[in-house]
Amino acid sequence: MDVNLQALVGRNIRRFRLADGLTIEELAFRAQLHPNYLGDVERGRRNPSLVNLKKIADGLKKPLTDLLSGAHLTGASAASIPREKTAVYFSPGQDKDLLSLIKTLRSTSPKDRKRIIQIAKSLSARLKNG
């Protein structure tokens, strides 16, 4: 059986990411990789290094071996995976602000980072609801 390992790894990454309800951007942030690169890996267009595979596995909170697994979901398990979240795009000015925020978050403790993200989500929900 001829297995395209690159495509298999990409499918596994996408499957785990969607099962966790993450966007490509969220996983890319966790793995400290560019979202375009991660998208290419998921589509089997890029052959990630072992270092980058480890970053992705850590971002997914999975053992590296799970990314190399040939097991496929079927039936109810496959149906329970949520659909891809719609990506949100920002203007160049907003991108600059977002990158600044990301740099700030990276320099905080995990506990503080989690709290800041909770506050931002709460504020965002309040702004959406008026």
Protein backbone atom coordinates (compact mmCIF):
# COMPACT_ATOMS: atom_id res chain seq x y z
CA MET A 1 0.00 0.00 0.00
CA ASP A 2 1.49 3.33 -1.10
CA VAL A 3 0.81 5.88 1.64
CA ASN A 4 1.48 9.58 1.12
CA LEU A 5 2.82 10.29 4.60
CA GLN A 6 2.84 14.05 4.01
CA ALA A 7 -0.91 14.05 3.17
CA LEU A 8 -1.69 11.64 6.04
CA VAL A 9 0.05 13.88 8.59
CA GLY A 10 -1.76 16.92 7.20
CA ARG A 11 -5.15 15.19 7.46
CA ASN A 12 -4.40 14.13 11.04
CA ILE A 13 -3.41 17.66 12.02
CA ARG A 14 -6.61 19.06 10.51
CA ARG A 15 -8.73 16.35 12.15
CA PHE A 16 -7.27 17.05 15.61
CA ARG A 17 -7.48 20.82 15.12
CA LEU A 18 -11.15 20.71 14.14
CA ALA A 19 -11.96 18.24 16.93
CA ASP A 20 -10.51 20.81 19.36
CA GLY A 21 -12.52 23.60 17.73
CA LEU A 22 -9.40 25.54 16.70
CA THR A 23 -8.94 27.72 13.64
CA ILE A 24 -5.71 27.49 11.67
CA GLU A 25 -4.79 30.88 13.12
CA GLU A 26 -5.30 29.66 16.69
CA LEU A 27 -3.18 26.55 16.17
CA ALA A 28 -0.54 28.56 14.32
CA PHE A 29 -0.32 30.92 17.30
CA ARG A 30 0.00 28.02 19.72
CA ALA A 31 2.67 26.36 17.56
CA GLN A 32 4.42 29.65 16.78
CA LEU A 33 4.16 28.98 13.05
CA HIS A 34 2.68 31.06 10.22
CA PRO A 35 -0.97 30.21 9.42
CA ASN A 36 -0.19 29.94 5.67
CA TYR A 37 2.56 27.41 6.39
CA LEU A 38 0.25 25.40 8.65
CA GLY A 39 -2.49 25.44 5.99
CA ASP A 40 -0.03 24.09 3.43
CA VAL A 41 0.99 21.34 5.86
CA GLU A 42 -2.65 20.38 6.41
CA ARG A 43 -3.22 20.19 2.65
CA GLY A 44 -0.14 18.00 2.21
CA ARG A 45 1.66 20.66 0.16
CA ARG A 46 4.50 21.18 2.65
CA ASN A 47 6.74 18.63 4.26
CA PRO A 48 7.19 19.84 7.84
CA SER A 49 10.44 19.33 9.72
CA LEU A 50 10.46 17.23 12.87
CA VAL A 51 10.89 20.42 14.90
CA ASN A 52 7.76 21.93 13.33
CA LEU A 53 5.80 18.68 13.75
CA LYS A 54 6.69 18.75 17.45
CA LYS A 55 5.50 22.39 17.69
CA ILE A 56 2.22 21.42 16.02
CA ALA A 57 1.76 18.39 18.28
CA ASP A 58 2.43 20.56 21.33
CA GLY A 59 -0.06 23.14 20.04
CA LEU A 60 -2.66 20.39 19.71
CA LYS A 61 -1.65 18.94 23.11
CA LYS A 62 -1.14 15.54 21.46
CA PRO A 63 1.83 13.19 21.37
CA LEU A 64 3.89 13.54 18.19
CA THR A 65 3.09 9.92 17.32
CA ASP A 66 -0.63 10.79 16.99
CA LEU A 67 0.20 13.02 14.00
CA LEU A 68 1.82 10.04 12.27
CA SER A 69 -1.04 7.64 13.04
CA GLY A 70 -2.76 5.94 10.12
CA ALA A 71 -6.05 5.56 12.03
CA HIS A 72 -9.06 7.25 10.47
CA LEU A 73 -12.31 8.32 12.07
CA THR A 74 -15.47 6.74 10.75
CA GLY A 75 -19.18 6.86 11.47
CA ALA A 76 -20.27 8.76 14.58
CA SER A 77 -16.73 9.84 15.44
CA ALA A 78 -16.26 11.56 12.11
CA ALA A 79 -19.69 13.18 12.30
CA SER A 80 -18.87 14.70 15.69
CA ILE A 81 -15.98 16.77 14.34
CA PRO A 82 -17.09 20.40 14.03
CA ARG A 83 -16.83 22.22 10.72
CA GLU A 84 -14.03 24.67 10.03
CA LYS A 85 -14.45 28.05 11.72
CA THR A 86 -14.68 30.98 9.37
CA ALA A 87 -11.45 32.96 9.41
CA VAL A 88 -11.59 36.60 10.39
CA TYR A 89 -9.46 38.99 8.40
CA PHE A 90 -8.25 42.36 9.61
CA SER A 91 -7.22 45.57 7.93
CA PRO A 92 -3.46 46.34 7.84
CA GLY A 93 -3.86 48.68 10.83
CA GLN A 94 -5.72 46.04 12.80
CA ASP A 95 -3.09 43.46 11.87
CA LYS A 96 -0.44 45.71 13.40
CA ASP A 97 -2.47 46.03 16.61
CA LEU A 98 -3.09 42.30 16.72
CA LEU A 99 0.61 41.49 16.28
CA SER A 100 1.43 43.93 19.07
CA LEU A 101 -1.10 42.19 21.31
CA ILE A 102 0.34 38.78 20.44
CA LYS A 103 3.87 39.94 21.32
CA THR A 104 2.57 41.26 24.63
CA LEU A 105 0.76 38.01 25.40
CA ARG A 106 3.87 35.95 24.65
CA SER A 107 5.76 37.82 27.36
CA THR A 108 3.15 37.15 30.07
CA SER A 109 2.78 34.10 32.27
CA PRO A 110 0.39 31.38 31.09
CA LYS A 111 -1.98 32.21 33.96
CA ASP A 112 -2.04 35.94 33.07
CA ARG A 113 -2.35 35.15 29.35
CA LYS A 114 -5.38 32.94 29.99
CA ARG A 115 -7.03 35.66 32.09
CA ILE A 116 -6.34 38.36 29.46
CA ILE A 117 -7.87 36.16 26.76
CA GLN A 118 -10.96 35.54 28.93
CA ILE A 119 -11.37 39.29 29.44
CA ALA A 120 -10.95 39.98 25.71
CA LYS A 121 -13.58 37.36 24.84
CA SER A 122 -15.98 38.83 27.38
CA LEU A 123 -15.46 42.35 26.04
CA SER A 124 -15.90 41.15 22.48
CA ALA A 125 -19.19 39.42 23.34
CA ARG A 126 -20.47 42.57 25.05
CA LEU A 127 -19.54 44.74 22.06
CA LYS A 128 -21.33 42.35 19.67
CA ASN A 129 -24.49 42.37 21.80
CA GLY A 130 -24.50 46.16 22.11
